[in-house]
Amino acid sequence: MVILAGCGRGRNDIAAQACNAEISHRLVGKRYTLDVDDLAAHATSEKPDTLLLKSTAVFDPGLSTQYKQTYECRVRFDSAGEPSVLFLQFNWNTADLKNAE
């Protein structure tokens, strides 16, 4: 992650990459797509060292069961600038889940 910062990537981008890595870890085996640039664009500062990021994930992309879910990810930067995901929440819309069945 520090390498990204050295390449001119900002805190929002680094936080979005940390969220993306956490989501990838949590959703192993699931078909989904994320827009990391959109996630970074929707980052807001909660505290000097903490960002809240929000975006939408597409599950089962291209299939008849495709549906979208919004999600939130909170990232804190330590004193060395390393990000840690503190919170990850998918805001499931039951109407979309019924359509996927």
PDB file of N, CA and C in Angstrom:
ATOM      1  N   MET A   1       0.805  -1.193   0.000  1.00  0.00           N
ATOM      2  CA  MET A   1       0.000   0.000   0.000  1.00  0.00           C
ATOM      3  C   MET A   1       0.853   1.264   0.000  1.00  0.00           C
ATOM      4  N   VAL A   2       1.967   1.248   0.647  1.00  0.00           N
ATOM      5  CA  VAL A   2       2.824   2.423   0.670  1.00  0.00           C
ATOM      6  C   VAL A   2       3.331   2.733  -0.734  1.00  0.00           C
ATOM      7  N   ILE A   3       3.560   1.711  -1.546  1.00  0.00           N
ATOM      8  CA  ILE A   3       4.012   1.911  -2.919  1.00  0.00           C
ATOM      9  C   ILE A   3       2.982   2.723  -3.690  1.00  0.00           C
ATOM     10  N   LEU A   4       1.703   2.451  -3.485  1.00  0.00           N
ATOM     11  CA  LEU A   4       0.667   3.208  -4.165  1.00  0.00           C
ATOM     12  C   LEU A   4       0.743   4.685  -3.797  1.00  0.00           C
ATOM     13  N   ALA A   5       0.983   4.959  -2.543  1.00  0.00           N
ATOM     14  CA  ALA A   5       1.085   6.347  -2.108  1.00  0.00           C
ATOM     15  C   ALA A   5       2.275   7.018  -2.781  1.00  0.00           C
ATOM     16  N   GLY A   6       3.351   6.287  -2.948  1.00  0.00           N
ATOM     17  CA  GLY A   6       4.529   6.817  -3.607  1.00  0.00           C
ATOM     18  C   GLY A   6       4.293   7.098  -5.078  1.00  0.00           C
ATOM     19  N   CYS A   7       3.308   6.476  -5.687  1.00  0.00           N
ATOM     20  CA  CYS A   7       3.001   6.671  -7.099  1.00  0.00           C
ATOM     21  C   CYS A   7       1.976   7.791  -7.300  1.00  0.00           C
ATOM     22  N   GLY A   8       1.742   8.590  -6.281  1.00  0.00           N
ATOM     23  CA  GLY A   8       0.828   9.707  -6.415  1.00  0.00           C
ATOM     24  C   GLY A   8      -0.611   9.358  -6.071  1.00  0.00           C
ATOM     25  N   ARG A   9      -0.854   8.166  -5.577  1.00  0.00           N
ATOM     26  CA  ARG A   9      -2.213   7.791  -5.192  1.00  0.00           C
ATOM     27  C   ARG A   9      -2.534   8.449  -3.858  1.00  0.00           C
ATOM     28  N   GLY A  10      -3.743   8.972  -3.738  1.00  0.00           N
ATOM     29  CA  GLY A  10      -4.158   9.651  -2.524  1.00  0.00           C
ATOM     30  C   GLY A  10      -4.722   8.695  -1.494  1.00  0.00           C
ATOM     31  N   ARG A  11      -5.047   9.264  -0.334  1.00  0.00           N
ATOM     32  CA  ARG A  11      -5.607   8.452   0.766  1.00  0.00           C
ATOM     33  C   ARG A  11      -6.904   7.769   0.363  1.00  0.00           C
ATOM     34  N   ASN A  12      -7.744   8.448  -0.413  1.00  0.00           N
ATOM     35  CA  ASN A  12      -9.000   7.836  -0.837  1.00  0.00           C
ATOM     36  C   ASN A  12      -8.735   6.583  -1.666  1.00  0.00           C
ATOM     37  N   ASP A  13      -7.777   6.671  -2.572  1.00  0.00           N
ATOM     38  CA  ASP A  13      -7.436   5.527  -3.417  1.00  0.00           C
ATOM     39  C   ASP A  13      -6.853   4.377  -2.600  1.00  0.00           C
ATOM     40  N   ILE A  14      -5.985   4.716  -1.662  1.00  0.00           N
ATOM     41  CA  ILE A  14      -5.378   3.687  -0.812  1.00  0.00           C
ATOM     42  C   ILE A  14      -6.443   3.023   0.045  1.00  0.00           C
ATOM     43  N   ALA A  15      -7.354   3.815   0.595  1.00  0.00           N
ATOM     44  CA  ALA A  15      -8.441   3.267   1.406  1.00  0.00           C
ATOM     45  C   ALA A  15      -9.346   2.374   0.552  1.00  0.00           C
ATOM     46  N   ALA A  16      -9.646   2.798  -0.672  1.00  0.00           N
ATOM     47  CA  ALA A  16     -10.486   1.997  -1.570  1.00  0.00           C
ATOM     48  C   ALA A  16      -9.819   0.666  -1.895  1.00  0.00           C
ATOM     49  N   GLN A  17      -8.519   0.675  -2.091  1.00  0.00           N
ATOM     50  CA  GLN A  17      -7.799  -0.577  -2.355  1.00  0.00           C
ATOM     51  C   GLN A  17      -7.843  -1.499  -1.129  1.00  0.00           C
ATOM     52  N   ALA A  18      -7.737  -0.924   0.066  1.00  0.00           N
ATOM     53  CA  ALA A  18      -7.821  -1.722   1.292  1.00  0.00           C
ATOM     54  C   ALA A  18      -9.209  -2.353   1.412  1.00  0.00           C
ATOM     55  N   CYS A  19     -10.252  -1.583   1.096  1.00  0.00           N
ATOM     56  CA  CYS A  19     -11.618  -2.113   1.125  1.00  0.00           C
ATOM     57  C   CYS A  19     -11.781  -3.216   0.082  1.00  0.00           C
ATOM     58  N   ASN A  20     -11.262  -2.991  -1.104  1.00  0.00           N
ATOM     59  CA  ASN A  20     -11.349  -3.977  -2.165  1.00  0.00           C
ATOM     60  C   ASN A  20     -10.685  -5.292  -1.746  1.00  0.00           C
ATOM     61  N   ALA A  21      -9.524  -5.211  -1.116  1.00  0.00           N
ATOM     62  CA  ALA A  21      -8.823  -6.409  -0.651  1.00  0.00           C
ATOM     63  C   ALA A  21      -9.642  -7.143   0.405  1.00  0.00           C
ATOM     64  N   GLU A  22     -10.254  -6.395   1.317  1.00  0.00           N
ATOM     65  CA  GLU A  22     -11.070  -7.015   2.369  1.00  0.00           C
ATOM     66  C   GLU A  22     -12.310  -7.685   1.776  1.00  0.00           C
ATOM     67  N   ILE A  23     -12.948  -7.009   0.829  1.00  0.00           N
ATOM     68  CA  ILE A  23     -14.127  -7.593   0.183  1.00  0.00           C
ATOM     69  C   ILE A  23     -13.740  -8.862  -0.570  1.00  0.00           C
ATOM     70  N   SER A  24     -12.625  -8.828  -1.276  1.00  0.00           N
ATOM     71  CA  SER A  24     -12.152 -10.010  -2.001  1.00  0.00           C
ATOM     72  C   SER A  24     -11.932 -11.182  -1.054  1.00  0.00           C
ATOM     73  N   HIS A  25     -11.385 -10.882   0.120  1.00  0.00           N
ATOM     74  CA  HIS A  25     -11.151 -11.911   1.136  1.00  0.00           C
ATOM     75  C   HIS A  25     -12.469 -12.484   1.660  1.00  0.00           C
ATOM     76  N   ARG A  26     -13.448 -11.617   1.880  1.00  0.00           N
ATOM     77  CA  ARG A  26     -14.735 -12.038   2.458  1.00  0.00           C
ATOM     78  C   ARG A  26     -15.657 -12.733   1.457  1.00  0.00           C
ATOM     79  N   LEU A  27     -15.522 -12.415   0.180  1.00  0.00           N
ATOM     80  CA  LEU A  27     -16.452 -12.942  -0.832  1.00  0.00           C
ATOM     81  C   LEU A  27     -15.805 -13.979  -1.761  1.00  0.00           C
ATOM     82  N   VAL A  28     -14.871 -14.730  -1.244  1.00  0.00           N
ATOM     83  CA  VAL A  28     -14.219 -15.765  -2.040  1.00  0.00           C
ATOM     84  C   VAL A  28     -15.276 -16.711  -2.599  1.00  0.00           C
ATOM     85  N   GLY A  29     -15.210 -16.972  -3.905  1.00  0.00           N
ATOM     86  CA  GLY A  29     -16.145 -17.890  -4.548  1.00  0.00           C
ATOM     87  C   GLY A  29     -17.408 -17.237  -5.077  1.00  0.00           C
ATOM     88  N   LYS A  30     -17.621 -15.971  -4.762  1.00  0.00           N
ATOM     89  CA  LYS A  30     -18.810 -15.248  -5.245  1.00  0.00           C
ATOM     90  C   LYS A  30     -18.457 -14.517  -6.537  1.00  0.00           C
ATOM     91  N   ARG A  31     -19.436 -14.374  -7.427  1.00  0.00           N
ATOM     92  CA  ARG A  31     -19.276 -13.599  -8.660  1.00  0.00           C
ATOM     93  C   ARG A  31     -19.759 -12.179  -8.384  1.00  0.00           C
ATOM     94  N   TYR A  32     -18.854 -11.209  -8.527  1.00  0.00           N
ATOM     95  CA  TYR A  32     -19.214  -9.817  -8.280  1.00  0.00           C
ATOM     96  C   TYR A  32     -18.219  -8.909  -8.979  1.00  0.00           C
ATOM     97  N   THR A  33     -18.607  -7.656  -9.147  1.00  0.00           N
ATOM     98  CA  THR A  33     -17.695  -6.631  -9.640  1.00  0.00           C
ATOM     99  C   THR A  33     -17.820  -5.392  -8.756  1.00  0.00           C
ATOM    100  N   LEU A  34     -16.716  -4.692  -8.617  1.00  0.00           N
ATOM    101  CA  LEU A  34     -16.663  -3.449  -7.856  1.00  0.00           C
ATOM    102  C   LEU A  34     -15.989  -2.392  -8.713  1.00  0.00           C
ATOM    103  N   ASP A  35     -16.343  -1.151  -8.492  1.00  0.00           N
ATOM    104  CA  ASP A  35     -15.675  -0.032  -9.145  1.00  0.00           C
ATOM    105  C   ASP A  35     -14.864   0.683  -8.069  1.00  0.00           C
ATOM    106  N   VAL A  36     -13.578   0.364  -8.007  1.00  0.00           N
ATOM    107  CA  VAL A  36     -12.717   0.918  -6.958  1.00  0.00           C
ATOM    108  C   VAL A  36     -12.579   2.433  -7.096  1.00  0.00           C
ATOM    109  N   ASP A  37     -12.594   2.938  -8.332  1.00  0.00           N
ATOM    110  CA  ASP A  37     -12.517   4.388  -8.532  1.00  0.00           C
ATOM    111  C   ASP A  37     -13.756   5.084  -7.979  1.00  0.00           C
ATOM    112  N   ASP A  38     -14.936   4.463  -8.174  1.00  0.00           N
ATOM    113  CA  ASP A  38     -16.167   5.017  -7.622  1.00  0.00           C
ATOM    114  C   ASP A  38     -16.125   4.989  -6.096  1.00  0.00           C
ATOM    115  N   LEU A  39     -15.604   3.906  -5.549  1.00  0.00           N
ATOM    116  CA  LEU A  39     -15.479   3.793  -4.097  1.00  0.00           C
ATOM    117  C   LEU A  39     -14.597   4.913  -3.553  1.00  0.00           C
ATOM    118  N   ALA A  40     -13.459   5.158  -4.192  1.00  0.00           N
ATOM    119  CA  ALA A  40     -12.552   6.225  -3.758  1.00  0.00           C
ATOM    120  C   ALA A  40     -13.212   7.596  -3.891  1.00  0.00           C
ATOM    121  N   ALA A  41     -14.015   7.757  -4.937  1.00  0.00           N
ATOM    122  CA  ALA A  41     -14.686   9.039  -5.166  1.00  0.00           C
ATOM    123  C   ALA A  41     -15.754   9.332  -4.118  1.00  0.00           C
ATOM    124  N   HIS A  42     -16.250   8.285  -3.466  1.00  0.00           N
ATOM    125  CA  HIS A  42     -17.298   8.456  -2.455  1.00  0.00           C
ATOM    126  C   HIS A  42     -16.744   8.248  -1.048  1.00  0.00           C
ATOM    127  N   ALA A  43     -15.562   8.766  -0.812  1.00  0.00           N
ATOM    128  CA  ALA A  43     -14.939   8.699   0.509  1.00  0.00           C
ATOM    129  C   ALA A  43     -15.176  10.019   1.239  1.00  0.00           C
ATOM    130  N   THR A  44     -15.507   9.902   2.501  1.00  0.00           N
ATOM    131  CA  THR A  44     -15.664  11.090   3.346  1.00  0.00           C
ATOM    132  C   THR A  44     -14.839  10.903   4.616  1.00  0.00           C
ATOM    133  N   SER A  45     -14.293  11.991   5.089  1.00  0.00           N
ATOM    134  CA  SER A  45     -13.477  11.947   6.294  1.00  0.00           C
ATOM    135  C   SER A  45     -14.385  11.970   7.516  1.00  0.00           C
ATOM    136  N   GLU A  46     -14.218  10.996   8.383  1.00  0.00           N
ATOM    137  CA  GLU A  46     -14.966  10.970   9.649  1.00  0.00           C
ATOM    138  C   GLU A  46     -14.130  11.561  10.775  1.00  0.00           C
ATOM    139  N   LYS A  47     -12.839  11.295  10.724  1.00  0.00           N
ATOM    140  CA  LYS A  47     -11.855  11.804  11.674  1.00  0.00           C
ATOM    141  C   LYS A  47     -10.583  12.045  10.867  1.00  0.00           C
ATOM    142  N   PRO A  48      -9.611  12.701  11.425  1.00  0.00           N
ATOM    143  CA  PRO A  48      -8.387  12.943  10.659  1.00  0.00           C
ATOM    144  C   PRO A  48      -7.732  11.666  10.124  1.00  0.00           C
ATOM    145  N   ASP A  49      -7.895  10.554  10.836  1.00  0.00           N
ATOM    146  CA  ASP A  49      -7.243   9.314  10.417  1.00  0.00           C
ATOM    147  C   ASP A  49      -8.224   8.265   9.879  1.00  0.00           C
ATOM    148  N   THR A  50      -9.499   8.621   9.704  1.00  0.00           N
ATOM    149  CA  THR A  50     -10.518   7.636   9.333  1.00  0.00           C
ATOM    150  C   THR A  50     -11.378   8.132   8.176  1.00  0.00           C
ATOM    151  N   LEU A  51     -11.565   7.250   7.185  1.00  0.00           N
ATOM    152  CA  LEU A  51     -12.425   7.536   6.035  1.00  0.00           C
ATOM    153  C   LEU A  51     -13.577   6.544   5.984  1.00  0.00           C
ATOM    154  N   LEU A  52     -14.739   7.016   5.559  1.00  0.00           N
ATOM    155  CA  LEU A  52     -15.878   6.162   5.283  1.00  0.00           C
ATOM    156  C   LEU A  52     -16.094   6.198   3.777  1.00  0.00           C
ATOM    157  N   LEU A  53     -16.097   5.020   3.148  1.00  0.00           N
ATOM    158  CA  LEU A  53     -16.260   4.905   1.708  1.00  0.00           C
ATOM    159  C   LEU A  53     -17.550   4.164   1.412  1.00  0.00           C
ATOM    160  N   LYS A  54     -18.249   4.571   0.346  1.00  0.00           N
ATOM    161  CA  LYS A  54     -19.517   3.944  -0.032  1.00  0.00           C
ATOM    162  C   LYS A  54     -19.561   3.752  -1.545  1.00  0.00           C
ATOM    163  N   SER A  55     -20.130   2.633  -1.960  1.00  0.00           N
ATOM    164  CA  SER A  55     -20.297   2.371  -3.388  1.00  0.00           C
ATOM    165  C   SER A  55     -21.318   1.248  -3.566  1.00  0.00           C
ATOM    166  N   THR A  56     -21.369   0.729  -4.786  1.00  0.00           N
ATOM    167  CA  THR A  56     -22.303  -0.339  -5.131  1.00  0.00           C
ATOM    168  C   THR A  56     -21.543  -1.504  -5.762  1.00  0.00           C
ATOM    169  N   ALA A  57     -21.875  -2.708  -5.355  1.00  0.00           N
ATOM    170  CA  ALA A  57     -21.303  -3.926  -5.935  1.00  0.00           C
ATOM    171  C   ALA A  57     -22.366  -4.591  -6.803  1.00  0.00           C
ATOM    172  N   VAL A  58     -21.931  -5.204  -7.880  1.00  0.00           N
ATOM    173  CA  VAL A  58     -22.827  -5.960  -8.758  1.00  0.00           C
ATOM    174  C   VAL A  58     -22.523  -7.435  -8.558  1.00  0.00           C
ATOM    175  N   PHE A  59     -23.512  -8.188  -8.136  1.00  0.00           N
ATOM    176  CA  PHE A  59     -23.361  -9.625  -7.942  1.00  0.00           C
ATOM    177  C   PHE A  59     -23.930 -10.368  -9.146  1.00  0.00           C
ATOM    178  N   ASP A  60     -23.317 -11.481  -9.496  1.00  0.00           N
ATOM    179  CA  ASP A  60     -23.698 -12.290 -10.662  1.00  0.00           C
ATOM    180  C   ASP A  60     -23.777 -11.442 -11.933  1.00  0.00           C
ATOM    181  N   PRO A  61     -22.724 -10.648 -12.212  1.00  0.00           N
ATOM    182  CA  PRO A  61     -22.787  -9.755 -13.377  1.00  0.00           C
ATOM    183  C   PRO A  61     -23.009 -10.524 -14.680  1.00  0.00           C
ATOM    184  N   GLY A  62     -23.926  -9.994 -15.497  1.00  0.00           N
ATOM    185  CA  GLY A  62     -24.213 -10.586 -16.798  1.00  0.00           C
ATOM    186  C   GLY A  62     -25.153 -11.771 -16.771  1.00  0.00           C
ATOM    187  N   LEU A  63     -25.551 -12.219 -15.600  1.00  0.00           N
ATOM    188  CA  LEU A  63     -26.464 -13.359 -15.481  1.00  0.00           C
ATOM    189  C   LEU A  63     -27.887 -12.860 -15.227  1.00  0.00           C
ATOM    190  N   SER A  64     -28.847 -13.740 -15.423  1.00  0.00           N
ATOM    191  CA  SER A  64     -30.240 -13.365 -15.162  1.00  0.00           C
ATOM    192  C   SER A  64     -30.482 -13.104 -13.678  1.00  0.00           C
ATOM    193  N   THR A  65     -29.576 -13.566 -12.832  1.00  0.00           N
ATOM    194  CA  THR A  65     -29.696 -13.373 -11.382  1.00  0.00           C
ATOM    195  C   THR A  65     -28.930 -12.149 -10.886  1.00  0.00           C
ATOM    196  N   GLN A  66     -28.457 -11.315 -11.813  1.00  0.00           N
ATOM    197  CA  GLN A  66     -27.669 -10.132 -11.439  1.00  0.00           C
ATOM    198  C   GLN A  66     -28.461  -9.208 -10.526  1.00  0.00           C
ATOM    199  N   TYR A  67     -27.786  -8.691  -9.497  1.00  0.00           N
ATOM    200  CA  TYR A  67     -28.387  -7.695  -8.610  1.00  0.00           C
ATOM    201  C   TYR A  67     -27.288  -6.809  -8.041  1.00  0.00           C
ATOM    202  N   LYS A  68     -27.678  -5.645  -7.541  1.00  0.00           N
ATOM    203  CA  LYS A  68     -26.738  -4.673  -6.983  1.00  0.00           C
ATOM    204  C   LYS A  68     -26.996  -4.486  -5.499  1.00  0.00           C
ATOM    205  N   GLN A  69     -25.908  -4.251  -4.777  1.00  0.00           N
ATOM    206  CA  GLN A  69     -26.003  -3.962  -3.352  1.00  0.00           C
ATOM    207  C   GLN A  69     -25.042  -2.830  -3.016  1.00  0.00           C
ATOM    208  N   THR A  70     -25.509  -1.899  -2.212  1.00  0.00           N
ATOM    209  CA  THR A  70     -24.615  -0.852  -1.737  1.00  0.00           C
ATOM    210  C   THR A  70     -23.803  -1.395  -0.569  1.00  0.00           C
ATOM    211  N   TYR A  71     -22.672  -0.785  -0.336  1.00  0.00           N
ATOM    212  CA  TYR A  71     -21.849  -1.191   0.802  1.00  0.00           C
ATOM    213  C   TYR A  71     -21.077  -0.001   1.344  1.00  0.00           C
ATOM    214  N   GLU A  72     -20.643  -0.156   2.586  1.00  0.00           N
ATOM    215  CA  GLU A  72     -19.872   0.861   3.287  1.00  0.00           C
ATOM    216  C   GLU A  72     -18.627   0.213   3.863  1.00  0.00           C
ATOM    217  N   CYS A  73     -17.552   0.951   3.838  1.00  0.00           N
ATOM    218  CA  CYS A  73     -16.283   0.450   4.354  1.00  0.00           C
ATOM    219  C   CYS A  73     -15.586   1.597   5.090  1.00  0.00           C
ATOM    220  N   ARG A  74     -15.175   1.338   6.315  1.00  0.00           N
ATOM    221  CA  ARG A  74     -14.488   2.348   7.115  1.00  0.00           C
ATOM    222  C   ARG A  74     -13.025   1.931   7.251  1.00  0.00           C
ATOM    223  N   VAL A  75     -12.132   2.877   6.951  1.00  0.00           N
ATOM    224  CA  VAL A  75     -10.690   2.610   6.973  1.00  0.00           C
ATOM    225  C   VAL A  75     -10.003   3.621   7.870  1.00  0.00           C
ATOM    226  N   ARG A  76      -9.107   3.115   8.710  1.00  0.00           N
ATOM    227  CA  ARG A  76      -8.294   3.986   9.565  1.00  0.00           C
ATOM    228  C   ARG A  76      -6.835   3.863   9.126  1.00  0.00           C
ATOM    229  N   PHE A  77      -6.141   4.988   9.100  1.00  0.00           N
ATOM    230  CA  PHE A  77      -4.720   5.014   8.785  1.00  0.00           C
ATOM    231  C   PHE A  77      -3.929   5.122  10.080  1.00  0.00           C
ATOM    232  N   ASP A  78      -2.908   4.271  10.247  1.00  0.00           N
ATOM    233  CA  ASP A  78      -2.072   4.362  11.440  1.00  0.00           C
ATOM    234  C   ASP A  78      -1.051   5.483  11.272  1.00  0.00           C
ATOM    235  N   SER A  79      -0.195   5.662  12.263  1.00  0.00           N
ATOM    236  CA  SER A  79       0.769   6.774  12.241  1.00  0.00           C
ATOM    237  C   SER A  79       1.771   6.658  11.091  1.00  0.00           C
ATOM    238  N   ALA A  80       1.958   5.447  10.547  1.00  0.00           N
ATOM    239  CA  ALA A  80       2.863   5.251   9.415  1.00  0.00           C
ATOM    240  C   ALA A  80       2.133   5.388   8.075  1.00  0.00           C
ATOM    241  N   GLY A  81       0.812   5.641   8.137  1.00  0.00           N
ATOM    242  CA  GLY A  81       0.032   5.796   6.916  1.00  0.00           C
ATOM    243  C   GLY A  81      -0.516   4.501   6.344  1.00  0.00           C
ATOM    244  N   GLU A  82      -0.409   3.418   7.104  1.00  0.00           N
ATOM    245  CA  GLU A  82      -0.927   2.123   6.651  1.00  0.00           C
ATOM    246  C   GLU A  82      -2.424   2.026   6.942  1.00  0.00           C
ATOM    247  N   PRO A  83      -3.216   1.579   5.960  1.00  0.00           N
ATOM    248  CA  PRO A  83      -4.665   1.489   6.168  1.00  0.00           C
ATOM    249  C   PRO A  83      -5.071   0.174   6.820  1.00  0.00           C
ATOM    250  N   SER A  84      -6.121   0.242   7.617  1.00  0.00           N
ATOM    251  CA  SER A  84      -6.748  -0.949   8.206  1.00  0.00           C
ATOM    252  C   SER A  84      -8.253  -0.797   8.053  1.00  0.00           C
ATOM    253  N   VAL A  85      -8.902  -1.854   7.576  1.00  0.00           N
ATOM    254  CA  VAL A  85     -10.359  -1.837   7.460  1.00  0.00           C
ATOM    255  C   VAL A  85     -10.940  -2.113   8.837  1.00  0.00           C
ATOM    256  N   LEU A  86     -11.739  -1.168   9.324  1.00  0.00           N
ATOM    257  CA  LEU A  86     -12.373  -1.297  10.636  1.00  0.00           C
ATOM    258  C   LEU A  86     -13.775  -1.861  10.536  1.00  0.00           C
ATOM    259  N   PHE A  87     -14.432  -1.628   9.387  1.00  0.00           N
ATOM    260  CA  PHE A  87     -15.860  -1.907   9.276  1.00  0.00           C
ATOM    261  C   PHE A  87     -16.179  -2.150   7.809  1.00  0.00           C
ATOM    262  N   LEU A  88     -16.961  -3.193   7.546  1.00  0.00           N
ATOM    263  CA  LEU A  88     -17.429  -3.473   6.198  1.00  0.00           C
ATOM    264  C   LEU A  88     -18.864  -3.959   6.312  1.00  0.00           C
ATOM    265  N   GLN A  89     -19.768  -3.283   5.604  1.00  0.00           N
ATOM    266  CA  GLN A  89     -21.180  -3.636   5.701  1.00  0.00           C
ATOM    267  C   GLN A  89     -21.841  -3.566   4.332  1.00  0.00           C
ATOM    268  N   PHE A  90     -22.508  -4.645   3.954  1.00  0.00           N
ATOM    269  CA  PHE A  90     -23.343  -4.635   2.758  1.00  0.00           C
ATOM    270  C   PHE A  90     -24.760  -4.327   3.191  1.00  0.00           C
ATOM    271  N   ASN A  91     -25.396  -3.395   2.494  1.00  0.00           N
ATOM    272  CA  ASN A  91     -26.754  -2.973   2.807  1.00  0.00           C
ATOM    273  C   ASN A  91     -27.702  -3.729   1.887  1.00  0.00           C
ATOM    274  N   TRP A  92     -28.051  -4.933   2.290  1.00  0.00           N
ATOM    275  CA  TRP A  92     -28.862  -5.826   1.457  1.00  0.00           C
ATOM    276  C   TRP A  92     -30.259  -5.283   1.271  1.00  0.00           C
ATOM    277  N   ASN A  93     -30.686  -5.252   0.042  1.00  0.00           N
ATOM    278  CA  ASN A  93     -32.034  -4.842  -0.321  1.00  0.00           C
ATOM    279  C   ASN A  93     -32.827  -6.115  -0.598  1.00  0.00           C
ATOM    280  N   THR A  94     -33.782  -6.431   0.246  1.00  0.00           N
ATOM    281  CA  THR A  94     -34.500  -7.702   0.100  1.00  0.00           C
ATOM    282  C   THR A  94     -35.271  -7.790  -1.204  1.00  0.00           C
ATOM    283  N   ALA A  95     -35.704  -6.681  -1.767  1.00  0.00           N
ATOM    284  CA  ALA A  95     -36.402  -6.710  -3.062  1.00  0.00           C
ATOM    285  C   ALA A  95     -35.471  -7.243  -4.148  1.00  0.00           C
ATOM    286  N   ASP A  96     -34.211  -6.829  -4.131  1.00  0.00           N
ATOM    287  CA  ASP A  96     -33.244  -7.329  -5.095  1.00  0.00           C
ATOM    288  C   ASP A  96     -32.967  -8.802  -4.881  1.00  0.00           C
ATOM    289  N   LEU A  97     -32.903  -9.234  -3.642  1.00  0.00           N
ATOM    290  CA  LEU A  97     -32.660 -10.636  -3.365  1.00  0.00           C
ATOM    291  C   LEU A  97     -33.800 -11.501  -3.883  1.00  0.00           C
ATOM    292  N   LYS A  98     -35.046 -11.039  -3.753  1.00  0.00           N
ATOM    293  CA  LYS A  98     -36.192 -11.791  -4.264  1.00  0.00           C
ATOM    294  C   LYS A  98     -36.144 -11.887  -5.784  1.00  0.00           C
ATOM    295  N   ASN A  99     -35.713 -10.801  -6.455  1.00  0.00           N
ATOM    296  CA  ASN A  99     -35.603 -10.817  -7.912  1.00  0.00           C
ATOM    297  C   ASN A  99     -34.546 -11.812  -8.368  1.00  0.00           C
ATOM    298  N   ALA A 100     -33.492 -12.010  -7.570  1.00  0.00           N
ATOM    299  CA  ALA A 100     -32.417 -12.921  -7.937  1.00  0.00           C
ATOM    300  C   ALA A 100     -32.853 -14.379  -7.834  1.00  0.00           C
ATOM    301  N   GLU A 101     -33.867 -14.655  -7.037  1.00  0.00           N
ATOM    302  CA  GLU A 101     -34.353 -16.034  -6.898  1.00  0.00           C
ATOM    303  C   GLU A 101     -35.078 -16.419  -8.142  1.00  0.00           C
TER     304      GLU A 101
END
